[in-house]
Amino acid sequence: MNIGFIGLGTMGKAMASNLVKAGFSVKVWNRSQAPVEALVALGAKSAQSPADFGDVEVLVSMLADDATVQQVLVDDGAIASLKTGALHINMATVSLKLAQSLDAQHQQQGLGYIGAPVLGRVDVAEAGKLNILAAGKAALLEKAAPLFAVLGAKTWVFGESPAQANVVKLAANFCLASAIETMGEASALVRGHGGSGQAFLDMLTNTVFAAPAYKTYGNLIAHEQYQPAGFKLSLGLKDVRLALEAGEAGKVPMPFASTMKDNFLDAMAHGDGELDWAALATVAARRAGLS
């Protein structure tokens, strides 16, 4: 199977590398050349442009946001370059509106399309243990299964409309942001009365909230370890905004998401956009005069 891969950021590079190591023929493109060269050294081929994927059966894309997806996949001709019957797997976290627009474009062009955003940070992607949130026609999901088996520990299917997977990813990221916000406020409360925020979070994440997400982000908050960013705070703000947009489209009120959006903006205003989104916890500490 000839595979194309567009978007070699920290996540995409790890994912594409695993596909190459698994023996797939992989053709890659990225705006910056360093990750392309690293993949070529592993055995991948280099595409000349986003429009140079007419020879692939499956195109995988892992891009940062709506604007980049629109620019690279649509405006720069990646989708248009695919031959009729090819499959595109969009693994980026995008808005409901863009997901629906991409689905329509693929149908018009006679292309298969799957929405398949993922859960997991860079170390999880490197280990091939991502959780893949997928939606699309059953036959297309079956075609994508060998790739998903390399990239993830499990594929969770959420329907035949690709946009359904994107809404699930936004809902999951909303839950993660909520956990970060809650731990930030709770540890600030403990610190405000002279207690140890680190000891509190260690207790919390090993008792009532002994779950991977709480353990990962609780540890980052406890040690104020916000660099290097596994997922930038600016991207967290983007995803909370997209969740609010999806909520409005479905007439679903999300009052806590509105509050978190303002807290993300607070962090951005203090120059924290490039930090890990666990740095959202600093907002509560700063307001309490603890930072």
C-alpha atoms as a PDB file:
ATOM      1  CA  MET A   1       0.000   0.000   0.000  1.00  0.00           C
ATOM      2  CA  ASN A   2       1.414   3.379  -1.039  1.00  0.00           C
ATOM      3  CA  ILE A   3       0.830   5.953   1.680  1.00  0.00           C
ATOM      4  CA  GLY A   4       1.194   9.718   1.626  1.00  0.00           C
ATOM      5  CA  PHE A   5       1.740  11.632   4.866  1.00  0.00           C
ATOM      6  CA  ILE A   6       1.362  15.400   5.201  1.00  0.00           C
ATOM      7  CA  GLY A   7       2.294  17.200   8.414  1.00  0.00           C
ATOM      8  CA  LEU A   8       5.463  16.161  10.246  1.00  0.00           C
ATOM      9  CA  GLY A   9       5.178  18.098  13.474  1.00  0.00           C
ATOM     10  CA  THR A  10       6.031  16.363  16.736  1.00  0.00           C
ATOM     11  CA  MET A  11       3.043  14.029  16.444  1.00  0.00           C
ATOM     12  CA  GLY A  12       3.069  13.551  12.679  1.00  0.00           C
ATOM     13  CA  LYS A  13       6.775  12.793  12.529  1.00  0.00           C
ATOM     14  CA  ALA A  14       6.422  10.034  15.127  1.00  0.00           C
ATOM     15  CA  MET A  15       3.405   8.557  13.361  1.00  0.00           C
ATOM     16  CA  ALA A  16       4.961   8.626   9.895  1.00  0.00           C
ATOM     17  CA  SER A  17       8.155   7.093  11.275  1.00  0.00           C
ATOM     18  CA  ASN A  18       6.185   4.154  12.665  1.00  0.00           C
ATOM     19  CA  LEU A  19       4.543   3.566   9.297  1.00  0.00           C
ATOM     20  CA  VAL A  20       7.952   3.514   7.572  1.00  0.00           C
ATOM     21  CA  LYS A  21       9.375   1.160  10.206  1.00  0.00           C
ATOM     22  CA  ALA A  22       6.363  -1.121   9.738  1.00  0.00           C
ATOM     23  CA  GLY A  23       7.311  -1.589   6.085  1.00  0.00           C
ATOM     24  CA  PHE A  24       4.816   0.675   4.349  1.00  0.00           C
ATOM     25  CA  SER A  25       5.873   2.715   1.321  1.00  0.00           C
ATOM     26  CA  VAL A  26       5.501   6.273   2.638  1.00  0.00           C
ATOM     27  CA  LYS A  27       5.777   9.574   0.779  1.00  0.00           C
ATOM     28  CA  VAL A  28       6.008  12.648   3.016  1.00  0.00           C
ATOM     29  CA  TRP A  29       5.662  16.422   2.843  1.00  0.00           C
ATOM     30  CA  ASN A  30       6.094  19.141   5.434  1.00  0.00           C
ATOM     31  CA  ARG A  31       6.560  22.900   5.335  1.00  0.00           C
ATOM     32  CA  SER A  32       9.959  22.681   7.031  1.00  0.00           C
ATOM     33  CA  GLN A  33      12.480  20.268   5.565  1.00  0.00           C
ATOM     34  CA  ALA A  34      14.277  18.919   8.640  1.00  0.00           C
ATOM     35  CA  PRO A  35      11.614  16.323   9.521  1.00  0.00           C
ATOM     36  CA  VAL A  36      11.287  15.361   5.845  1.00  0.00           C
ATOM     37  CA  GLU A  37      15.024  14.646   5.720  1.00  0.00           C
ATOM     38  CA  ALA A  38      14.755  12.581   8.903  1.00  0.00           C
ATOM     39  CA  LEU A  39      11.969  10.478   7.383  1.00  0.00           C
ATOM     40  CA  VAL A  40      13.842  10.058   4.100  1.00  0.00           C
ATOM     41  CA  ALA A  41      16.803   8.763   6.108  1.00  0.00           C
ATOM     42  CA  LEU A  42      14.476   6.073   7.488  1.00  0.00           C
ATOM     43  CA  GLY A  43      13.365   5.077   3.992  1.00  0.00           C
ATOM     44  CA  ALA A  44      10.500   7.414   3.114  1.00  0.00           C
ATOM     45  CA  LYS A  45      10.171   9.307  -0.167  1.00  0.00           C
ATOM     46  CA  SER A  46       9.939  13.084  -0.349  1.00  0.00           C
ATOM     47  CA  ALA A  47       7.021  14.805  -2.106  1.00  0.00           C
ATOM     48  CA  GLN A  48       7.799  17.942  -4.084  1.00  0.00           C
ATOM     49  CA  SER A  49       4.672  19.773  -2.926  1.00  0.00           C
ATOM     50  CA  PRO A  50       1.269  19.139  -1.310  1.00  0.00           C
ATOM     51  CA  ALA A  51      -0.042  18.469  -4.811  1.00  0.00           C
ATOM     52  CA  ASP A  52       2.444  15.623  -5.384  1.00  0.00           C
ATOM     53  CA  PHE A  53       0.334  12.751  -4.054  1.00  0.00           C
ATOM     54  CA  GLY A  54      -1.405  11.480  -7.164  1.00  0.00           C
ATOM     55  CA  ASP A  55       0.370   8.116  -6.831  1.00  0.00           C
ATOM     56  CA  VAL A  56      -0.787   7.191  -3.318  1.00  0.00           C
ATOM     57  CA  GLU A  57      -3.674   4.969  -2.306  1.00  0.00           C
ATOM     58  CA  VAL A  58      -4.045   6.509   1.134  1.00  0.00           C
ATOM     59  CA  LEU A  59      -3.187  10.038   2.225  1.00  0.00           C
ATOM     60  CA  VAL A  60      -2.793  10.712   5.958  1.00  0.00           C
ATOM     61  CA  SER A  61      -2.703  14.290   7.197  1.00  0.00           C
ATOM     62  CA  MET A  62      -1.755  15.545  10.656  1.00  0.00           C
ATOM     63  CA  LEU A  63      -1.858  19.345  10.594  1.00  0.00           C
ATOM     64  CA  ALA A  64      -2.122  21.896  13.396  1.00  0.00           C
ATOM     65  CA  ASP A  65      -5.355  23.808  12.846  1.00  0.00           C
ATOM     66  CA  ASP A  66      -8.164  24.754  10.461  1.00  0.00           C
ATOM     67  CA  ALA A  67      -6.170  27.420   8.648  1.00  0.00           C
ATOM     68  CA  THR A  68      -3.270  25.065   7.935  1.00  0.00           C
ATOM     69  CA  VAL A  69      -5.598  22.251   6.852  1.00  0.00           C
ATOM     70  CA  GLN A  70      -7.418  24.599   4.474  1.00  0.00           C
ATOM     71  CA  GLN A  71      -4.189  25.994   3.057  1.00  0.00           C
ATOM     72  CA  VAL A  72      -2.297  22.747   2.544  1.00  0.00           C
ATOM     73  CA  LEU A  73      -5.049  20.279   1.708  1.00  0.00           C
ATOM     74  CA  VAL A  74      -7.393  22.513  -0.277  1.00  0.00           C
ATOM     75  CA  ASP A  75      -5.665  25.670  -1.489  1.00  0.00           C
ATOM     76  CA  ASP A  76      -2.314  23.994  -2.237  1.00  0.00           C
ATOM     77  CA  GLY A  77      -3.969  21.079  -4.030  1.00  0.00           C
ATOM     78  CA  ALA A  78      -3.310  18.005  -1.880  1.00  0.00           C
ATOM     79  CA  ILE A  79      -6.888  16.733  -2.102  1.00  0.00           C
ATOM     80  CA  ALA A  80      -7.215  17.683  -5.748  1.00  0.00           C
ATOM     81  CA  SER A  81      -4.088  15.660  -6.583  1.00  0.00           C
ATOM     82  CA  LEU A  82      -5.568  12.381  -5.343  1.00  0.00           C
ATOM     83  CA  LYS A  83      -6.854   9.905  -7.882  1.00  0.00           C
ATOM     84  CA  THR A  84     -10.499   8.814  -7.830  1.00  0.00           C
ATOM     85  CA  GLY A  85     -11.058   6.134  -5.221  1.00  0.00           C
ATOM     86  CA  ALA A  86      -8.109   7.138  -3.036  1.00  0.00           C
ATOM     87  CA  LEU A  87      -8.644   7.444   0.709  1.00  0.00           C
ATOM     88  CA  HIS A  88      -7.794  10.492   2.817  1.00  0.00           C
ATOM     89  CA  ILE A  89      -7.482  10.040   6.598  1.00  0.00           C
ATOM     90  CA  ASN A  90      -7.562  13.386   8.389  1.00  0.00           C
ATOM     91  CA  MET A  91      -6.047  12.876  11.851  1.00  0.00           C
ATOM     92  CA  ALA A  92      -5.996  16.545  12.843  1.00  0.00           C
ATOM     93  CA  THR A  93      -8.268  18.193  15.394  1.00  0.00           C
ATOM     94  CA  VAL A  94     -10.440  20.477  13.277  1.00  0.00           C
ATOM     95  CA  SER A  95     -13.694  22.369  13.640  1.00  0.00           C
ATOM     96  CA  LEU A  96     -17.072  20.806  12.980  1.00  0.00           C
ATOM     97  CA  LYS A  97     -17.633  23.253  10.132  1.00  0.00           C
ATOM     98  CA  LEU A  98     -14.376  22.380   8.366  1.00  0.00           C
ATOM     99  CA  ALA A  99     -14.903  18.647   8.939  1.00  0.00           C
ATOM    100  CA  GLN A 100     -18.284  18.840   7.220  1.00  0.00           C
ATOM    101  CA  SER A 101     -16.853  20.912   4.366  1.00  0.00           C
ATOM    102  CA  LEU A 102     -14.017  18.439   3.786  1.00  0.00           C
ATOM    103  CA  ASP A 103     -16.454  15.531   3.759  1.00  0.00           C
ATOM    104  CA  ALA A 104     -18.507  17.224   1.033  1.00  0.00           C
ATOM    105  CA  GLN A 105     -15.403  18.027  -1.055  1.00  0.00           C
ATOM    106  CA  HIS A 106     -14.210  14.434  -0.928  1.00  0.00           C
ATOM    107  CA  GLN A 107     -17.602  13.106  -1.969  1.00  0.00           C
ATOM    108  CA  GLN A 108     -17.698  15.506  -4.929  1.00  0.00           C
ATOM    109  CA  GLN A 109     -14.274  14.321  -6.055  1.00  0.00           C
ATOM    110  CA  GLY A 110     -15.016  10.604  -5.637  1.00  0.00           C
ATOM    111  CA  LEU A 111     -12.600  10.153  -2.747  1.00  0.00           C
ATOM    112  CA  GLY A 112     -12.916   8.189   0.469  1.00  0.00           C
ATOM    113  CA  TYR A 113     -12.677  10.245   3.638  1.00  0.00           C
ATOM    114  CA  ILE A 114     -12.226   9.330   7.303  1.00  0.00           C
ATOM    115  CA  GLY A 115     -12.033  11.623  10.309  1.00  0.00           C
ATOM    116  CA  ALA A 116      -9.568  10.050  12.748  1.00  0.00           C
ATOM    117  CA  PRO A 117      -8.134  12.440  15.363  1.00  0.00           C
ATOM    118  CA  VAL A 118      -6.107  10.851  18.143  1.00  0.00           C
ATOM    119  CA  LEU A 119      -5.680  10.879  21.901  1.00  0.00           C
ATOM    120  CA  GLY A 120      -2.124  10.755  23.218  1.00  0.00           C
ATOM    121  CA  ARG A 121       0.966  12.893  23.580  1.00  0.00           C
ATOM    122  CA  VAL A 122       4.220  12.571  21.639  1.00  0.00           C
ATOM    123  CA  ASP A 123       5.648   9.703  23.701  1.00  0.00           C
ATOM    124  CA  VAL A 124       2.436   7.735  23.101  1.00  0.00           C
ATOM    125  CA  ALA A 125       2.638   8.435  19.359  1.00  0.00           C
ATOM    126  CA  GLU A 126       6.262   7.269  19.288  1.00  0.00           C
ATOM    127  CA  ALA A 127       5.247   4.026  20.974  1.00  0.00           C
ATOM    128  CA  GLY A 128       2.404   3.461  18.483  1.00  0.00           C
ATOM    129  CA  LYS A 129      -0.097   3.424  21.354  1.00  0.00           C
ATOM    130  CA  LEU A 130      -2.454   6.238  20.370  1.00  0.00           C
ATOM    131  CA  ASN A 131      -6.198   5.939  20.800  1.00  0.00           C
ATOM    132  CA  ILE A 132      -7.699   6.650  17.393  1.00  0.00           C
ATOM    133  CA  LEU A 133     -11.156   8.225  17.283  1.00  0.00           C
ATOM    134  CA  ALA A 134     -12.511   7.285  13.876  1.00  0.00           C
ATOM    135  CA  ALA A 135     -15.654   7.861  11.838  1.00  0.00           C
ATOM    136  CA  GLY A 136     -16.386   6.993   8.232  1.00  0.00           C
ATOM    137  CA  LYS A 137     -17.911   4.339   6.037  1.00  0.00           C
ATOM    138  CA  ALA A 138     -17.275   0.776   7.222  1.00  0.00           C
ATOM    139  CA  ALA A 139     -15.417  -0.248   4.059  1.00  0.00           C
ATOM    140  CA  LEU A 140     -13.069   2.715   4.381  1.00  0.00           C
ATOM    141  CA  LEU A 141     -12.398   1.988   8.041  1.00  0.00           C
ATOM    142  CA  GLU A 142     -11.555  -1.583   7.084  1.00  0.00           C
ATOM    143  CA  LYS A 143      -9.088  -0.299   4.483  1.00  0.00           C
ATOM    144  CA  ALA A 144      -7.470   1.967   7.072  1.00  0.00           C
ATOM    145  CA  ALA A 145      -7.260  -0.772   9.728  1.00  0.00           C
ATOM    146  CA  PRO A 146      -3.675  -1.911   8.901  1.00  0.00           C
ATOM    147  CA  LEU A 147      -2.426   1.668   9.321  1.00  0.00           C
ATOM    148  CA  PHE A 148      -4.373   2.193  12.521  1.00  0.00           C
ATOM    149  CA  ALA A 149      -2.913  -1.048  13.899  1.00  0.00           C
ATOM    150  CA  VAL A 150       0.567   0.467  13.546  1.00  0.00           C
ATOM    151  CA  LEU A 151      -0.317   3.911  14.863  1.00  0.00           C
ATOM    152  CA  GLY A 152      -2.590   3.075  17.775  1.00  0.00           C
ATOM    153  CA  ALA A 153      -3.421   0.741  20.617  1.00  0.00           C
ATOM    154  CA  LYS A 154      -7.131   0.882  19.810  1.00  0.00           C
ATOM    155  CA  THR A 155      -9.474   2.395  17.248  1.00  0.00           C
ATOM    156  CA  TRP A 156     -12.776   3.707  18.605  1.00  0.00           C
ATOM    157  CA  VAL A 157     -15.482   4.034  15.923  1.00  0.00           C
ATOM    158  CA  PHE A 158     -18.123   6.754  16.344  1.00  0.00           C
ATOM    159  CA  GLY A 159     -20.277   6.567  13.216  1.00  0.00           C
ATOM    160  CA  GLU A 160     -20.249   6.918   9.449  1.00  0.00           C
ATOM    161  CA  SER A 161     -20.026  10.719   9.291  1.00  0.00           C
ATOM    162  CA  PRO A 162     -16.342  11.750   9.574  1.00  0.00           C
ATOM    163  CA  ALA A 163     -17.298  14.919  11.455  1.00  0.00           C
ATOM    164  CA  GLN A 164     -18.612  12.796  14.337  1.00  0.00           C
ATOM    165  CA  ALA A 165     -15.031  11.792  15.183  1.00  0.00           C
ATOM    166  CA  ASN A 166     -13.980  15.434  15.279  1.00  0.00           C
ATOM    167  CA  VAL A 167     -16.763  16.314  17.710  1.00  0.00           C
ATOM    168  CA  VAL A 168     -15.714  13.405  19.940  1.00  0.00           C
ATOM    169  CA  LYS A 169     -12.112  14.688  19.924  1.00  0.00           C
ATOM    170  CA  LEU A 170     -13.245  18.197  20.863  1.00  0.00           C
ATOM    171  CA  ALA A 171     -15.349  16.738  23.683  1.00  0.00           C
ATOM    172  CA  ALA A 172     -12.373  14.706  24.932  1.00  0.00           C
ATOM    173  CA  ASN A 173     -10.044  17.719  24.839  1.00  0.00           C
ATOM    174  CA  PHE A 174     -12.671  19.728  26.708  1.00  0.00           C
ATOM    175  CA  CYS A 175     -12.560  17.066  29.434  1.00  0.00           C
ATOM    176  CA  LEU A 176      -8.754  17.210  29.561  1.00  0.00           C
ATOM    177  CA  ALA A 177      -8.785  21.000  29.805  1.00  0.00           C
ATOM    178  CA  SER A 178     -11.384  20.732  32.565  1.00  0.00           C
ATOM    179  CA  ALA A 179      -9.133  18.340  34.499  1.00  0.00           C
ATOM    180  CA  ILE A 180      -6.201  20.755  34.204  1.00  0.00           C
ATOM    181  CA  GLU A 181      -8.364  23.676  35.311  1.00  0.00           C
ATOM    182  CA  THR A 182      -9.780  21.741  38.267  1.00  0.00           C
ATOM    183  CA  MET A 183      -6.376  20.565  39.497  1.00  0.00           C
ATOM    184  CA  GLY A 184      -4.978  24.073  39.100  1.00  0.00           C
ATOM    185  CA  GLU A 185      -7.724  25.603  41.205  1.00  0.00           C
ATOM    186  CA  ALA A 186      -7.676  22.818  43.802  1.00  0.00           C
ATOM    187  CA  SER A 187      -3.898  22.905  44.288  1.00  0.00           C
ATOM    188  CA  ALA A 188      -4.050  26.711  44.575  1.00  0.00           C
ATOM    189  CA  LEU A 189      -6.651  26.279  47.337  1.00  0.00           C
ATOM    190  CA  VAL A 190      -4.334  23.945  49.246  1.00  0.00           C
ATOM    191  CA  ARG A 191      -1.341  26.252  48.756  1.00  0.00           C
ATOM    192  CA  GLY A 192      -3.403  29.252  49.827  1.00  0.00           C
ATOM    193  CA  HIS A 193      -3.687  27.674  53.277  1.00  0.00           C
ATOM    194  CA  GLY A 194      -0.022  26.814  53.560  1.00  0.00           C
ATOM    195  CA  GLY A 195      -0.228  23.277  52.243  1.00  0.00           C
ATOM    196  CA  SER A 196       1.891  21.596  49.578  1.00  0.00           C
ATOM    197  CA  GLY A 197       0.326  21.636  46.149  1.00  0.00           C
ATOM    198  CA  GLN A 198       2.751  18.923  45.068  1.00  0.00           C
ATOM    199  CA  ALA A 199       1.799  16.610  47.942  1.00  0.00           C
ATOM    200  CA  PHE A 200      -1.886  17.267  47.293  1.00  0.00           C
ATOM    201  CA  LEU A 201      -1.646  16.403  43.602  1.00  0.00           C
ATOM    202  CA  ASP A 202       0.437  13.314  44.357  1.00  0.00           C
ATOM    203  CA  MET A 203      -2.303  12.116  46.725  1.00  0.00           C
ATOM    204  CA  LEU A 204      -5.115  13.039  44.337  1.00  0.00           C
ATOM    205  CA  THR A 205      -3.675  11.286  41.302  1.00  0.00           C
ATOM    206  CA  ASN A 206      -2.973   8.113  43.257  1.00  0.00           C
ATOM    207  CA  THR A 207      -6.376   7.864  44.946  1.00  0.00           C
ATOM    208  CA  VAL A 208      -9.692   9.312  43.724  1.00  0.00           C
ATOM    209  CA  PHE A 209      -8.276  10.410  40.356  1.00  0.00           C
ATOM    210  CA  ALA A 210      -5.757   7.664  39.625  1.00  0.00           C
ATOM    211  CA  ALA A 211      -6.192   7.911  35.853  1.00  0.00           C
ATOM    212  CA  PRO A 212      -3.583   8.512  33.113  1.00  0.00           C
ATOM    213  CA  ALA A 213      -4.670  12.040  32.222  1.00  0.00           C
ATOM    214  CA  TYR A 214      -4.781  13.188  35.852  1.00  0.00           C
ATOM    215  CA  LYS A 215      -1.437  11.548  36.580  1.00  0.00           C
ATOM    216  CA  THR A 216       0.247  13.121  33.541  1.00  0.00           C
ATOM    217  CA  TYR A 217      -1.082  16.633  33.982  1.00  0.00           C
ATOM    218  CA  GLY A 218      -1.087  16.519  37.778  1.00  0.00           C
ATOM    219  CA  ASN A 219       2.629  15.744  37.689  1.00  0.00           C
ATOM    220  CA  LEU A 220       3.308  18.589  35.252  1.00  0.00           C
ATOM    221  CA  ILE A 221       1.353  21.034  37.416  1.00  0.00           C
ATOM    222  CA  ALA A 222       2.956  19.819  40.660  1.00  0.00           C
ATOM    223  CA  HIS A 223       6.460  20.350  39.285  1.00  0.00           C
ATOM    224  CA  GLU A 224       5.548  23.376  37.129  1.00  0.00           C
ATOM    225  CA  GLN A 225       7.054  21.491  34.192  1.00  0.00           C
ATOM    226  CA  TYR A 226       5.571  23.347  31.244  1.00  0.00           C
ATOM    227  CA  GLN A 227       8.476  23.105  28.816  1.00  0.00           C
ATOM    228  CA  PRO A 228       8.941  21.512  26.376  1.00  0.00           C
ATOM    229  CA  ALA A 229       5.278  21.602  25.442  1.00  0.00           C
ATOM    230  CA  GLY A 230       3.686  18.283  24.590  1.00  0.00           C
ATOM    231  CA  PHE A 231       0.597  20.229  23.525  1.00  0.00           C
ATOM    232  CA  LYS A 232       0.803  24.010  23.400  1.00  0.00           C
ATOM    233  CA  LEU A 233      -1.513  26.152  25.486  1.00  0.00           C
ATOM    234  CA  SER A 234      -2.422  28.141  22.375  1.00  0.00           C
ATOM    235  CA  LEU A 235      -3.735  24.923  20.806  1.00  0.00           C
ATOM    236  CA  GLY A 236      -5.738  24.225  23.948  1.00  0.00           C
ATOM    237  CA  LEU A 237      -7.424  27.599  23.540  1.00  0.00           C
ATOM    238  CA  LYS A 238      -8.155  26.722  19.916  1.00  0.00           C
ATOM    239  CA  ASP A 239      -9.802  23.441  20.882  1.00  0.00           C
ATOM    240  CA  VAL A 240     -11.950  24.970  23.619  1.00  0.00           C
ATOM    241  CA  ARG A 241     -13.142  27.572  21.105  1.00  0.00           C
ATOM    242  CA  LEU A 242     -13.964  24.809  18.614  1.00  0.00           C
ATOM    243  CA  ALA A 243     -15.871  22.895  21.293  1.00  0.00           C
ATOM    244  CA  LEU A 244     -17.922  26.017  22.000  1.00  0.00           C
ATOM    245  CA  GLU A 245     -18.633  26.439  18.274  1.00  0.00           C
ATOM    246  CA  ALA A 246     -19.752  22.807  18.024  1.00  0.00           C
ATOM    247  CA  GLY A 247     -21.905  23.291  21.108  1.00  0.00           C
ATOM    248  CA  GLU A 248     -23.596  26.290  19.563  1.00  0.00           C
ATOM    249  CA  ALA A 249     -24.173  24.395  16.304  1.00  0.00           C
ATOM    250  CA  GLY A 250     -25.855  21.587  18.236  1.00  0.00           C
ATOM    251  CA  LYS A 251     -27.684  23.920  20.643  1.00  0.00           C
ATOM    252  CA  VAL A 252     -25.662  22.466  23.537  1.00  0.00           C
ATOM    253  CA  PRO A 253     -24.810  24.996  26.286  1.00  0.00           C
ATOM    254  CA  MET A 254     -21.243  24.653  27.609  1.00  0.00           C
ATOM    255  CA  PRO A 255     -20.899  27.245  30.393  1.00  0.00           C
ATOM    256  CA  PHE A 256     -17.733  25.752  31.869  1.00  0.00           C
ATOM    257  CA  ALA A 257     -16.069  25.845  28.446  1.00  0.00           C
ATOM    258  CA  SER A 258     -16.849  29.577  28.271  1.00  0.00           C
ATOM    259  CA  THR A 259     -15.122  30.125  31.623  1.00  0.00           C
ATOM    260  CA  MET A 260     -12.113  28.090  30.542  1.00  0.00           C
ATOM    261  CA  LYS A 261     -11.807  30.056  27.313  1.00  0.00           C
ATOM    262  CA  ASP A 262     -11.373  33.232  29.381  1.00  0.00           C
ATOM    263  CA  ASN A 263      -8.779  31.509  31.567  1.00  0.00           C
ATOM    264  CA  PHE A 264      -6.860  30.373  28.484  1.00  0.00           C
ATOM    265  CA  LEU A 265      -6.970  33.973  27.248  1.00  0.00           C
ATOM    266  CA  ASP A 266      -5.622  35.093  30.633  1.00  0.00           C
ATOM    267  CA  ALA A 267      -2.690  32.701  30.241  1.00  0.00           C
ATOM    268  CA  MET A 268      -2.107  33.855  26.655  1.00  0.00           C
ATOM    269  CA  ALA A 269      -2.099  37.490  27.811  1.00  0.00           C
ATOM    270  CA  HIS A 270       0.688  36.583  30.245  1.00  0.00           C
ATOM    271  CA  GLY A 271       2.818  35.113  27.454  1.00  0.00           C
ATOM    272  CA  ASP A 272       2.170  31.426  28.125  1.00  0.00           C
ATOM    273  CA  GLY A 273       0.942  30.429  24.673  1.00  0.00           C
ATOM    274  CA  GLU A 274       4.016  28.356  23.809  1.00  0.00           C
ATOM    275  CA  LEU A 275       4.010  26.471  27.117  1.00  0.00           C
ATOM    276  CA  ASP A 276       2.306  23.117  27.643  1.00  0.00           C
ATOM    277  CA  TRP A 277      -1.397  23.594  28.176  1.00  0.00           C
ATOM    278  CA  ALA A 278      -0.951  22.280  31.721  1.00  0.00           C
ATOM    279  CA  ALA A 279       0.261  25.843  32.358  1.00  0.00           C
ATOM    280  CA  LEU A 280      -3.425  26.792  32.456  1.00  0.00           C
ATOM    281  CA  ALA A 281      -3.043  25.907  36.162  1.00  0.00           C
ATOM    282  CA  THR A 282      -0.880  29.011  36.659  1.00  0.00           C
ATOM    283  CA  VAL A 283      -3.923  31.239  36.138  1.00  0.00           C
ATOM    284  CA  ALA A 284      -5.542  30.156  39.413  1.00  0.00           C
ATOM    285  CA  ALA A 285      -2.216  30.380  41.271  1.00  0.00           C
ATOM    286  CA  ARG A 286      -1.495  33.851  39.903  1.00  0.00           C
ATOM    287  CA  ARG A 287      -4.941  35.139  40.848  1.00  0.00           C
ATOM    288  CA  ALA A 288      -4.394  33.812  44.366  1.00  0.00           C
ATOM    289  CA  GLY A 289      -1.056  35.623  44.616  1.00  0.00           C
ATOM    290  CA  LEU A 290       0.868  32.337  44.771  1.00  0.00           C
ATOM    291  CA  SER A 291       3.007  32.464  41.643  1.00  0.00           C
END
